[in-house]
Amino acid sequence: MTVTIAAVVEGHGEVGALPVLLRRIVAELSPALYVDVPRPYRANRHSLIRPGVLEDVVRVQGDRLSGPGGVLVLIDADDDCPARLGPDLLARAQAARPDRRVAVVLAKREYEAWFLAAAQSLSGQRAFPAALEPPPDPESISGAKEWLSRNRPGRPYKETADQAALTQRFDLKAARDRAPSFDKLWRDVERLICE
């Protein structure tokens, strides 16, 4: 069986990374299921949270679905509280496409915080040192990209070059255990593919 997840993202790196991540999650949740992830629609975060823009984008992405699946909006929370902004964006997105399953996930601070949560699994990979330890509270760090760069001497982190590759390698269980926003993504993907 095939399900489709039509995604909306804010960053250039997520355009390539999110399909990788969704395929990994679906393979864990339901190995016999095939997930089709069309190229995510990218829009500036500040535009997306303005009234009308999110709704228009979700309507368009909803049109990309021809069967089971749904629309997933993934943006960085930055300095906003995901528990406050997320429900508002979800209500708006669901109102725009009440005929489709819709999920909205705000990565607390930024997507890269999920890499920090699973930093040990990146040890020795892509120029990281052999013993890479995660910070105590990965989602509290403002500047996860900078943390990745500091811990990769001589090779700064570049979203477009590194995000999809690190997404392929990081430990999903560790990220779920240490990053509540990643656990929310996991649960929302499960809902999109299983209901």
Protein backbone atom coordinates (compact mmCIF):
# COMPACT_ATOMS: atom_id res chain seq x y z
CA MET A 1 0.00 0.00 0.00
CA THR A 2 1.12 3.56 -0.71
CA VAL A 3 0.48 6.69 1.33
CA THR A 4 1.42 10.21 0.38
CA ILE A 5 2.70 12.90 2.70
CA ALA A 6 2.70 16.32 1.06
CA ALA A 7 4.97 18.53 3.13
CA VAL A 8 5.53 22.20 3.75
CA VAL A 9 8.93 23.29 5.07
CA GLU A 10 10.77 26.55 5.65
CA GLY A 11 14.41 25.77 4.96
CA HIS A 12 16.33 24.80 1.86
CA GLY A 13 17.90 21.87 3.75
CA GLU A 14 14.53 20.45 4.81
CA VAL A 15 13.47 20.17 1.15
CA GLY A 16 15.98 17.32 0.79
CA ALA A 17 16.08 16.12 4.40
CA LEU A 18 12.40 15.75 5.27
CA PRO A 19 11.63 13.11 2.61
CA VAL A 20 14.58 11.07 3.93
CA LEU A 21 13.30 11.43 7.48
CA LEU A 22 9.71 10.54 6.59
CA ARG A 23 10.82 7.40 4.76
CA ARG A 24 12.92 6.34 7.76
CA ILE A 25 10.05 6.90 10.19
CA VAL A 26 7.51 5.09 8.02
CA ALA A 27 9.93 2.17 7.56
CA GLU A 28 10.05 1.85 11.37
CA LEU A 29 6.30 2.23 11.85
CA SER A 30 5.07 0.08 8.99
CA PRO A 31 7.79 -1.66 6.95
CA ALA A 32 5.34 -2.93 4.31
CA LEU A 33 4.04 0.56 3.61
CA TYR A 34 5.47 2.73 0.85
CA VAL A 35 5.43 6.48 1.48
CA ASP A 36 5.41 8.85 -1.45
CA VAL A 37 6.86 12.22 -0.49
CA PRO A 38 6.59 14.72 -3.33
CA ARG A 39 9.16 17.52 -3.23
CA PRO A 40 8.20 19.61 -0.19
CA TYR A 41 6.87 23.10 -0.73
CA ARG A 42 9.26 25.63 0.78
CA ALA A 43 8.06 28.93 2.17
CA ASN A 44 9.61 31.49 4.48
CA ARG A 45 8.61 30.86 8.11
CA HIS A 46 7.54 34.45 8.71
CA SER A 47 5.31 34.32 5.65
CA LEU A 48 3.84 30.98 6.66
CA ILE A 49 2.66 32.15 10.05
CA ARG A 50 0.87 35.17 8.58
CA PRO A 51 -2.89 34.70 8.17
CA GLY A 52 -3.83 33.45 4.72
CA VAL A 53 -0.43 32.19 3.58
CA LEU A 54 -0.41 28.93 5.54
CA GLU A 55 -3.98 28.26 4.47
CA ASP A 56 -3.17 28.77 0.77
CA VAL A 57 -0.12 26.50 0.93
CA VAL A 58 -2.01 23.74 2.77
CA ARG A 59 -4.82 23.90 0.20
CA VAL A 60 -2.31 23.45 -2.63
CA GLN A 61 -0.48 20.61 -0.86
CA GLY A 62 -3.79 18.92 -0.10
CA ASP A 63 -4.43 18.79 -3.84
CA ARG A 64 -1.28 16.66 -4.23
CA LEU A 65 -2.93 13.81 -2.33
CA SER A 66 -4.87 11.25 -4.31
CA GLY A 67 -5.33 8.62 -1.61
CA PRO A 68 -4.32 7.89 1.96
CA GLY A 69 -1.88 10.19 3.73
CA GLY A 70 -1.95 13.84 4.62
CA VAL A 71 -0.30 17.22 4.71
CA LEU A 72 2.60 17.85 7.09
CA VAL A 73 3.79 21.35 7.94
CA LEU A 74 7.23 21.39 9.56
CA ILE A 75 8.84 24.65 10.65
CA ASP A 76 11.33 25.73 13.28
CA ALA A 77 9.84 27.23 16.43
CA ASP A 78 12.84 29.57 16.80
CA ASP A 79 12.04 31.60 19.92
CA ASP A 80 8.29 30.86 19.86
CA CYS A 81 6.77 28.30 22.20
CA PRO A 82 5.71 25.30 20.06
CA ALA A 83 2.88 24.50 22.49
CA ARG A 84 1.37 27.94 21.88
CA LEU A 85 2.03 28.55 18.19
CA GLY A 86 1.54 24.96 17.01
CA PRO A 87 -2.15 24.55 17.95
CA ASP A 88 -3.02 27.87 16.33
CA LEU A 89 -1.28 26.92 13.09
CA LEU A 90 -2.86 23.45 13.17
CA ALA A 91 -6.37 24.91 13.59
CA ARG A 92 -5.79 27.22 10.64
CA ALA A 93 -4.36 24.41 8.48
CA GLN A 94 -7.21 22.05 9.32
CA ALA A 95 -9.77 24.73 8.55
CA ALA A 96 -8.13 25.23 5.15
CA ARG A 97 -8.36 21.50 4.30
CA PRO A 98 -10.99 19.82 6.48
CA ASP A 99 -11.14 17.00 3.91
CA ARG A 100 -7.49 15.97 4.51
CA ARG A 101 -5.46 14.83 7.48
CA VAL A 102 -3.13 17.66 8.47
CA ALA A 103 -0.30 17.84 10.99
CA VAL A 104 1.77 20.81 12.11
CA VAL A 105 5.09 20.26 13.87
CA LEU A 106 7.34 22.97 15.22
CA ALA A 107 10.87 21.75 15.84
CA LYS A 108 11.74 23.31 19.18
CA ARG A 109 14.29 25.95 18.27
CA GLU A 110 15.31 24.25 15.00
CA TYR A 111 15.40 20.96 13.07
CA GLU A 112 19.10 20.57 13.87
CA ALA A 113 18.29 20.24 17.59
CA TRP A 114 17.20 16.69 16.71
CA PHE A 115 20.76 15.96 15.58
CA LEU A 116 22.03 17.26 18.91
CA ALA A 117 19.62 14.97 20.76
CA ALA A 118 21.14 11.99 18.93
CA ALA A 119 24.70 13.33 18.74
CA GLN A 120 26.32 10.08 19.86
CA SER A 121 24.97 8.34 16.75
CA LEU A 122 26.84 10.89 14.62
CA SER A 123 30.21 10.13 16.26
CA GLY A 124 32.84 9.52 13.60
CA GLN A 125 30.42 10.44 10.80
CA ARG A 126 30.82 13.33 8.35
CA ALA A 127 33.89 14.80 10.09
CA PHE A 128 32.48 14.64 13.62
CA PRO A 129 34.90 13.40 16.29
CA ALA A 130 34.82 9.76 17.36
CA ALA A 131 33.28 10.67 20.73
CA LEU A 132 30.50 13.17 20.21
CA GLU A 133 28.34 13.74 23.29
CA PRO A 134 24.92 15.41 23.17
CA PRO A 135 24.30 18.56 25.17
CA PRO A 136 22.15 18.13 28.31
CA ASP A 137 19.03 19.80 26.86
CA PRO A 138 19.38 19.82 23.07
CA GLU A 139 16.15 21.67 22.36
CA SER A 140 17.09 24.57 24.63
CA ILE A 141 20.11 25.50 22.51
CA SER A 142 19.64 28.55 20.38
CA GLY A 143 22.06 27.93 17.55
CA ALA A 144 22.10 24.18 16.95
CA LYS A 145 23.71 24.77 13.55
CA GLU A 146 26.56 26.61 15.28
CA TRP A 147 26.91 23.76 17.82
CA LEU A 148 27.29 21.32 14.93
CA SER A 149 29.93 23.56 13.32
CA ARG A 150 31.89 23.92 16.58
CA ASN A 151 31.94 20.16 16.98
CA ARG A 152 33.21 19.57 13.43
CA PRO A 153 36.63 21.23 13.37
CA GLY A 154 37.56 22.63 9.99
CA ARG A 155 34.23 21.77 8.40
CA PRO A 156 31.33 24.08 9.27
CA TYR A 157 27.81 22.72 9.11
CA LYS A 158 25.98 23.70 5.93
CA GLU A 159 22.28 23.03 5.84
CA THR A 160 22.06 22.29 2.12
CA ALA A 161 25.12 20.01 2.13
CA ASP A 162 24.71 18.25 5.48
CA GLN A 163 21.10 18.15 6.62
CA ALA A 164 19.88 15.26 4.44
CA ALA A 165 23.06 13.23 5.09
CA LEU A 166 22.79 13.67 8.87
CA THR A 167 19.08 12.89 8.67
CA GLN A 168 19.97 9.55 7.11
CA ARG A 169 22.33 8.73 10.00
CA PHE A 170 20.96 10.06 13.29
CA ASP A 171 19.44 7.66 15.82
CA LEU A 172 15.68 8.08 15.71
CA LYS A 173 15.08 6.50 19.12
CA ALA A 174 17.62 8.75 20.81
CA ALA A 175 16.01 11.78 19.20
CA ARG A 176 12.55 10.65 20.36
CA ASP A 177 13.83 10.12 23.90
CA ARG A 178 15.62 13.47 24.19
CA ALA A 179 13.68 15.85 21.92
CA PRO A 180 9.94 16.13 22.62
CA SER A 181 9.30 17.98 19.36
CA PHE A 182 10.81 15.06 17.45
CA ASP A 183 8.58 12.66 19.35
CA LYS A 184 5.62 14.80 18.30
CA LEU A 185 6.71 14.54 14.67
CA TRP A 186 6.90 10.76 15.05
CA ARG A 187 3.39 10.56 16.53
CA ASP A 188 1.96 12.89 13.87
CA VAL A 189 3.50 10.88 11.04
CA GLU A 190 2.02 7.73 12.57
CA ARG A 191 -1.39 9.39 12.64
CA LEU A 192 -1.06 10.57 9.03
CA ILE A 193 -0.26 7.09 7.75
CA CYS A 194 -2.34 4.90 10.05
CA GLU A 195 -5.74 6.49 10.48
